[in-house]
Amino acid sequence: MRFQYLAYLLLASMASGQMERHTAPAAEGRSEKITLSPTHPAVETNVEPDDPVITINNFCADPAQEADSCKTVITRAQFEKLAEALQRGMSLSLRLNVANTYARNLRMATAAEKRGLDKTPEFEEAMRYARVQLLAQDLTRALQTEASNITDAELVDYYTKNEASYEQATLARIFVPHAKQNGTAPEAMTELAAELRARAAYGEDPNKLQVEAYDAAGIPKTSSDTKMDVRRAALPPQHEKMMELKPGEVSEVFSDPGGAHFIYKMIGKKTLTLKEVKTEIRTEISSQRYRESMKGFQGDVVFNDAYFMPPAKAAQQTEEKRKRKSRMPLTPSNEGQN
């Protein structure tokens, strides 16, 4: 949406005369041609800022010039200004798509102006809404930039206050399916889960036990790696107490509502360092700050249901309100309302 509105604003202004125009004789019968040389600031290129990257032959926005005797040239600097306004760091492939749309819309915008379509009330209202939307989107980007301005001291403080959440467990997880593949009864799989849990506690290899669980469920599996690293926040709430296990200990069997069973064996635990989670913390603080900054722009809006709701639903709600009001007991506070 941002691209559509901002592109229209920029294209309209450039079509009004902000672009460099060159006149050139046209070959009779020559088909319309667009020459494109896309560039990207991060890419090594020999194209200078004033060099053309888009050339639209047989087109001039200036009505004093004939369309078949001129061409419109967009330089690298002009196009990159547009591209960065639409999307910072726009990829090279997307720039090519924008350039194609850009060339077509320039012609169409000029043709629309000749018809006076830019003077209609509808156009003015659309432009008013476009301005509101673009300002809101620019404020969003400004708030996100401000929210991401985080000092090292703030990172340390956040890490210290939430250090427990950065505890990471290395464990073996044995998954016992509900097993519908070969018709094995759920009760049999529940019994198998209890057996595998006991064998894991006696020290049997969890990888071997996992293969047995798949085999009992009718799932072909010749090998399996049950080792995984996990943090408390990534676990289902009912599995979180697994984090209290000591190295070598095996959990109880966790059974989910769907019938699957899980068994955990703790291998080891560690607390991730600030360096390891710095990017994560920065993202979390930034997200929290941005959400807080947006609260003042949300809610506290009343919509007229009689207008925005389908007539039948609006009538139903009105009737329900009338019935509730009629059932209210008469009190000094509402006596005059009936």
Protein backbone atom coordinates (compact mmCIF):
# COMPACT_ATOMS: atom_id res chain seq x y z
CA MET A 1 0.00 0.00 0.00
CA ARG A 2 2.83 2.39 0.83
CA PHE A 3 4.38 1.70 -2.55
CA GLN A 4 1.15 2.46 -4.40
CA TYR A 5 0.51 5.81 -2.76
CA LEU A 6 4.09 7.06 -2.50
CA ALA A 7 4.85 5.95 -6.04
CA TYR A 8 1.87 7.88 -7.31
CA LEU A 9 2.91 11.04 -5.46
CA LEU A 10 6.47 10.86 -6.72
CA LEU A 11 5.53 9.90 -10.23
CA ALA A 12 3.05 12.75 -10.46
CA SER A 13 5.59 15.32 -9.30
CA MET A 14 8.29 14.04 -11.65
CA ALA A 15 5.87 13.90 -14.57
CA SER A 16 5.12 17.58 -13.92
CA GLY A 17 8.62 18.53 -14.96
CA GLN A 18 11.19 17.52 -12.34
CA MET A 19 12.91 15.03 -14.66
CA GLU A 20 15.49 15.80 -17.26
CA ARG A 21 14.08 15.56 -20.80
CA HIS A 22 16.01 15.03 -24.01
CA THR A 23 14.72 15.42 -27.55
CA ALA A 24 15.77 13.03 -30.24
CA PRO A 25 14.51 12.26 -33.74
CA ALA A 26 12.28 9.20 -33.87
CA ALA A 27 12.70 6.49 -36.46
CA GLU A 28 9.49 6.13 -38.42
CA GLY A 29 7.56 3.04 -37.45
CA ARG A 30 9.90 2.29 -34.54
CA SER A 31 8.23 0.40 -31.69
CA GLU A 32 8.25 1.82 -28.18
CA LYS A 33 11.35 0.81 -26.23
CA ILE A 34 12.49 1.06 -22.61
CA THR A 35 16.18 0.79 -21.75
CA LEU A 36 16.98 -0.12 -18.15
CA SER A 37 20.25 -0.28 -16.23
CA PRO A 38 19.35 -1.05 -12.57
CA THR A 39 21.88 -0.35 -9.85
CA HIS A 40 22.09 -0.87 -6.10
CA PRO A 41 24.08 1.24 -3.60
CA ALA A 42 25.66 -1.86 -2.10
CA VAL A 43 26.76 -3.25 -5.47
CA GLU A 44 30.00 -2.31 -7.21
CA THR A 45 29.08 -0.39 -10.36
CA ASN A 46 30.60 1.93 -12.92
CA VAL A 47 27.32 3.81 -13.34
CA GLU A 48 27.73 7.39 -12.12
CA PRO A 49 24.93 9.28 -10.28
CA ASP A 50 24.13 11.38 -13.34
CA ASP A 51 24.20 8.45 -15.77
CA PRO A 52 20.80 7.26 -17.12
CA VAL A 53 19.42 4.03 -15.74
CA ILE A 54 15.95 4.24 -17.37
CA THR A 55 15.31 5.72 -20.80
CA ILE A 56 11.72 5.92 -22.02
CA ASN A 57 11.76 6.52 -25.74
CA ASN A 58 8.98 8.39 -27.55
CA PHE A 59 7.64 9.94 -24.35
CA CYS A 60 7.68 13.45 -22.89
CA ALA A 61 5.47 14.70 -20.09
CA ASP A 62 5.80 18.25 -21.48
CA PRO A 63 2.76 18.75 -23.74
CA ALA A 64 4.79 21.22 -25.85
CA GLN A 65 6.87 18.34 -27.14
CA GLU A 66 5.62 15.61 -29.41
CA ALA A 67 5.68 12.12 -27.91
CA ASP A 68 7.39 10.66 -30.98
CA SER A 69 10.25 13.18 -30.98
CA CYS A 70 11.63 12.99 -27.46
CA LYS A 71 12.62 10.68 -24.67
CA THR A 72 12.50 10.81 -20.87
CA VAL A 73 15.67 9.92 -18.97
CA ILE A 74 15.87 8.96 -15.30
CA THR A 75 19.34 9.03 -13.80
CA ARG A 76 20.77 6.67 -11.23
CA ALA A 77 20.52 9.37 -8.53
CA GLN A 78 16.86 10.08 -9.35
CA PHE A 79 15.87 6.41 -9.43
CA GLU A 80 17.73 5.52 -6.23
CA LYS A 81 16.07 8.44 -4.46
CA LEU A 82 12.72 6.95 -5.43
CA ALA A 83 13.73 3.39 -4.54
CA GLU A 84 14.99 4.34 -1.08
CA ALA A 85 11.83 6.35 -0.41
CA LEU A 86 9.71 3.33 -1.25
CA GLN A 87 11.80 0.78 0.63
CA ARG A 88 15.16 1.20 2.31
CA GLY A 89 17.76 -1.20 0.97
CA MET A 90 15.52 -2.35 -1.87
CA SER A 91 16.92 -5.44 -3.56
CA LEU A 92 18.24 -5.31 -7.10
CA SER A 93 15.52 -7.66 -8.41
CA LEU A 94 12.77 -5.55 -6.84
CA ARG A 95 14.31 -2.39 -8.29
CA LEU A 96 13.93 -3.89 -11.73
CA ASN A 97 10.23 -4.53 -11.08
CA VAL A 98 9.79 -0.98 -9.74
CA ALA A 99 11.56 0.43 -12.79
CA ASN A 100 9.20 -1.35 -15.18
CA THR A 101 6.14 -0.15 -13.25
CA TYR A 102 7.66 3.31 -12.98
CA ALA A 103 8.06 3.71 -16.73
CA ARG A 104 4.50 2.58 -17.43
CA ASN A 105 2.97 4.74 -14.68
CA LEU A 106 4.77 7.84 -15.91
CA ARG A 107 3.01 7.51 -19.24
CA MET A 108 -0.33 6.75 -17.59
CA ALA A 109 -0.04 9.64 -15.08
CA THR A 110 0.61 12.09 -17.90
CA ALA A 111 -2.35 10.74 -19.88
CA ALA A 112 -4.55 11.01 -16.76
CA GLU A 113 -3.54 14.66 -16.25
CA LYS A 114 -4.45 15.46 -19.86
CA ARG A 115 -7.94 14.12 -19.09
CA GLY A 116 -8.13 16.27 -15.96
CA LEU A 117 -8.39 13.26 -13.65
CA ASP A 118 -6.11 14.97 -11.15
CA LYS A 119 -8.73 17.72 -10.69
CA THR A 120 -11.62 15.52 -9.56
CA PRO A 121 -12.97 15.46 -5.96
CA GLU A 122 -12.28 11.72 -5.81
CA PHE A 123 -8.60 12.27 -6.62
CA GLU A 124 -8.28 15.00 -4.00
CA GLU A 125 -9.86 12.75 -1.35
CA ALA A 126 -7.60 9.85 -2.28
CA MET A 127 -4.57 12.14 -2.04
CA ARG A 128 -5.73 13.36 1.38
CA TYR A 129 -6.00 9.79 2.62
CA ALA A 130 -2.65 8.92 1.02
CA ARG A 131 -1.02 11.76 2.96
CA VAL A 132 -2.53 10.54 6.25
CA GLN A 133 -1.40 6.98 5.57
CA LEU A 134 2.12 7.94 4.54
CA LEU A 135 2.58 10.15 7.60
CA ALA A 136 1.38 7.30 9.82
CA GLN A 137 3.80 4.90 8.14
CA ASP A 138 6.68 7.36 8.47
CA LEU A 139 5.85 7.81 12.17
CA THR A 140 5.84 4.03 12.55
CA ARG A 141 9.33 3.88 11.06
CA ALA A 142 10.50 6.73 13.32
CA LEU A 143 9.11 5.02 16.42
CA GLN A 144 10.78 1.74 15.43
CA THR A 145 14.09 3.55 14.96
CA GLU A 146 13.77 5.23 18.35
CA ALA A 147 12.81 1.93 20.01
CA SER A 148 15.93 0.24 18.64
CA ASN A 149 18.25 2.85 20.14
CA ILE A 150 19.46 0.70 23.05
CA THR A 151 22.60 1.28 25.10
CA ASP A 152 24.98 -1.41 26.33
CA ALA A 153 24.01 -0.56 29.91
CA GLU A 154 20.35 -1.27 29.10
CA LEU A 155 21.30 -4.62 27.58
CA VAL A 156 23.23 -5.59 30.71
CA ASP A 157 20.38 -4.50 32.98
CA TYR A 158 17.80 -6.50 31.01
CA TYR A 159 20.04 -9.58 30.98
CA THR A 160 20.62 -9.38 34.73
CA LYS A 161 16.92 -9.08 35.51
CA ASN A 162 15.97 -11.96 33.19
CA GLU A 163 18.99 -14.22 33.54
CA ALA A 164 16.88 -17.22 34.55
CA SER A 165 15.12 -17.18 31.19
CA TYR A 166 18.45 -17.74 29.42
CA GLU A 167 19.02 -21.14 31.03
CA GLN A 168 19.39 -23.71 28.27
CA ALA A 169 19.06 -27.45 28.70
CA THR A 170 20.73 -30.09 26.58
CA LEU A 171 18.58 -33.19 26.73
CA ALA A 172 17.41 -36.33 25.00
CA ARG A 173 13.72 -36.42 24.16
CA ILE A 174 11.92 -39.66 23.40
CA PHE A 175 8.69 -39.22 21.49
CA VAL A 176 6.08 -41.99 21.64
CA PRO A 177 3.42 -41.46 18.95
CA HIS A 178 -0.27 -42.09 19.41
CA ALA A 179 0.30 -44.69 16.71
CA LYS A 180 -2.57 -45.01 14.28
CA GLN A 181 -0.35 -46.17 11.44
CA ASN A 182 -0.53 -49.88 12.18
CA GLY A 183 -3.63 -49.99 14.35
CA THR A 184 -1.75 -50.28 17.64
CA ALA A 185 -4.15 -49.48 20.48
CA PRO A 186 -3.49 -46.21 22.34
CA GLU A 187 -3.41 -48.14 25.63
CA ALA A 188 -0.54 -50.24 24.32
CA MET A 189 1.43 -47.11 23.40
CA THR A 190 0.79 -45.65 26.85
CA GLU A 191 2.19 -48.83 28.42
CA LEU A 192 5.15 -48.70 26.04
CA ALA A 193 5.88 -45.11 27.06
CA ALA A 194 6.04 -46.17 30.73
CA GLU A 195 8.37 -49.04 29.84
CA LEU A 196 10.69 -46.85 27.77
CA ARG A 197 10.80 -44.29 30.56
CA ALA A 198 11.93 -46.97 33.03
CA ARG A 199 14.58 -48.27 30.64
CA ALA A 200 15.87 -44.74 30.02
CA ALA A 201 16.17 -44.25 33.78
CA TYR A 202 18.27 -47.45 33.94
CA GLY A 203 20.65 -45.93 31.41
CA GLU A 204 19.61 -47.36 28.05
CA ASP A 205 20.45 -45.28 24.97
CA PRO A 206 17.59 -42.83 24.26
CA ASN A 207 18.30 -43.04 20.51
CA LYS A 208 17.73 -46.82 20.60
CA LEU A 209 14.55 -46.39 22.64
CA GLN A 210 13.24 -43.82 20.17
CA VAL A 211 13.67 -46.24 17.27
CA GLU A 212 11.67 -48.83 19.24
CA ALA A 213 8.89 -46.30 19.81
CA TYR A 214 8.66 -45.57 16.09
CA ASP A 215 8.77 -49.27 15.26
CA ALA A 216 5.88 -49.97 17.64
CA ALA A 217 3.92 -47.17 15.97
CA GLY A 218 4.54 -48.62 12.53
CA ILE A 219 6.80 -45.77 11.48
CA PRO A 220 9.89 -46.98 9.57
CA LYS A 221 12.95 -45.61 11.34
CA THR A 222 16.40 -47.19 11.49
CA SER A 223 18.10 -44.44 13.50
CA SER A 224 17.17 -41.35 15.45
CA ASP A 225 18.95 -38.48 17.19
CA THR A 226 17.07 -37.47 20.32
CA LYS A 227 19.55 -34.83 21.50
CA MET A 228 18.34 -31.23 21.49
CA ASP A 229 18.97 -27.85 23.11
CA VAL A 230 15.94 -26.13 24.54
CA ARG A 231 14.99 -23.23 26.79
CA ARG A 232 12.06 -22.98 29.18
CA ALA A 233 10.10 -20.56 26.99
CA ALA A 234 10.18 -23.01 24.08
CA LEU A 235 8.54 -25.80 26.07
CA PRO A 236 4.80 -26.42 26.41
CA PRO A 237 3.73 -25.11 29.85
CA GLN A 238 3.02 -28.63 31.15
CA HIS A 239 6.57 -29.71 30.24
CA GLU A 240 8.41 -26.82 31.94
CA LYS A 241 9.15 -28.73 35.14
CA MET A 242 11.51 -30.86 33.06
CA MET A 243 13.96 -27.95 33.47
CA GLU A 244 14.30 -28.82 37.16
CA LEU A 245 15.89 -32.20 36.38
CA LYS A 246 19.52 -32.79 37.29
CA PRO A 247 22.00 -34.19 34.73
CA GLY A 248 21.30 -37.89 34.21
CA GLU A 249 17.78 -37.74 35.58
CA VAL A 250 14.77 -38.85 33.53
CA SER A 251 11.41 -37.12 33.63
CA GLU A 252 8.01 -38.61 34.14
CA VAL A 253 6.01 -39.42 31.01
CA PHE A 254 4.33 -36.28 29.69
CA SER A 255 1.13 -37.16 27.83
CA ASP A 256 -0.48 -34.59 25.59
CA PRO A 257 -4.26 -34.36 24.96
CA GLY A 258 -3.72 -35.75 21.48
CA GLY A 259 -2.35 -38.98 22.92
CA ALA A 260 1.38 -38.56 22.21
CA HIS A 261 3.89 -39.14 25.00
CA PHE A 262 7.22 -37.45 25.75
CA ILE A 263 10.11 -38.55 27.94
CA TYR A 264 13.09 -36.30 28.72
CA LYS A 265 16.54 -37.19 29.96
CA MET A 266 18.64 -34.28 31.17
CA ILE A 267 22.17 -34.23 29.77
CA GLY A 268 23.28 -30.85 31.04
CA LYS A 269 22.30 -27.23 31.63
CA LYS A 270 24.00 -23.88 31.21
CA THR A 271 23.11 -20.20 31.26
CA LEU A 272 23.73 -18.48 27.96
CA THR A 273 26.09 -15.52 28.17
CA LEU A 274 25.10 -11.94 27.42
CA LYS A 275 27.16 -12.11 24.24
CA GLU A 276 25.17 -15.14 23.04
CA VAL A 277 21.78 -13.51 23.60
CA LYS A 278 22.59 -9.84 22.95
CA THR A 279 20.79 -9.76 19.59
CA GLU A 280 17.76 -11.47 21.10
CA ILE A 281 17.64 -9.01 24.01
CA ARG A 282 18.00 -6.05 21.69
CA THR A 283 15.05 -7.30 19.63
CA GLU A 284 12.95 -7.92 22.75
CA ILE A 285 13.59 -4.47 24.24
CA SER A 286 12.95 -2.81 20.90
CA SER A 287 9.66 -4.69 20.47
CA GLN A 288 8.50 -3.81 23.97
CA ARG A 289 9.31 -0.14 23.51
CA TYR A 290 7.59 0.00 20.16
CA ARG A 291 4.43 -1.65 21.55
CA GLU A 292 4.38 0.89 24.38
CA SER A 293 4.82 3.80 21.98
CA MET A 294 1.88 2.57 19.89
CA LYS A 295 -0.59 2.25 22.78
CA GLY A 296 -1.49 5.93 22.64
CA PHE A 297 -2.69 5.55 19.05
CA GLN A 298 -4.88 2.50 19.61
CA GLY A 299 -8.32 1.94 21.09
CA ASP A 300 -10.80 4.54 22.39
CA VAL A 301 -12.68 4.52 19.10
CA VAL A 302 -16.46 4.17 18.78
CA PHE A 303 -17.96 2.80 15.56
CA ASN A 304 -21.61 3.20 14.66
CA ASP A 305 -22.86 -0.40 14.46
CA ALA A 306 -25.99 0.69 12.62
CA TYR A 307 -23.72 1.87 9.79
CA PHE A 308 -20.83 -0.62 9.78
CA MET A 309 -22.74 -3.82 10.62
CA PRO A 310 -24.98 -5.75 8.22
CA PRO A 311 -28.56 -4.49 8.69
CA ALA A 312 -29.83 -7.81 10.05
CA LYS A 313 -27.11 -8.03 12.69
CA ALA A 314 -27.51 -4.37 13.67
CA ALA A 315 -31.27 -4.88 14.09
CA GLN A 316 -30.65 -7.98 16.20
CA GLN A 317 -28.29 -6.11 18.52
CA THR A 318 -30.77 -3.22 18.85
CA GLU A 319 -33.51 -5.68 19.80
CA GLU A 320 -31.27 -7.40 22.35
CA LYS A 321 -30.46 -4.05 23.95
CA ARG A 322 -34.17 -3.20 24.10
CA LYS A 323 -34.97 -6.52 25.79
CA ARG A 324 -32.18 -6.09 28.35
CA LYS A 325 -33.42 -2.61 29.14
CA SER A 326 -36.99 -3.83 29.57
CA ARG A 327 -35.82 -6.45 32.11
CA MET A 328 -33.97 -3.90 34.26
CA PRO A 329 -35.63 -3.38 37.70
CA LEU A 330 -36.95 0.11 38.33
CA THR A 331 -34.62 2.09 40.59
CA PRO A 332 -34.32 5.81 41.28
CA SER A 333 -31.36 5.87 38.86
CA ASN A 334 -33.18 4.37 35.87
CA GLU A 335 -36.84 4.98 36.64
CA GLY A 336 -37.04 7.88 34.24
CA GLN A 337 -35.46 5.83 31.43
CA ASN A 338 -38.49 3.52 30.97
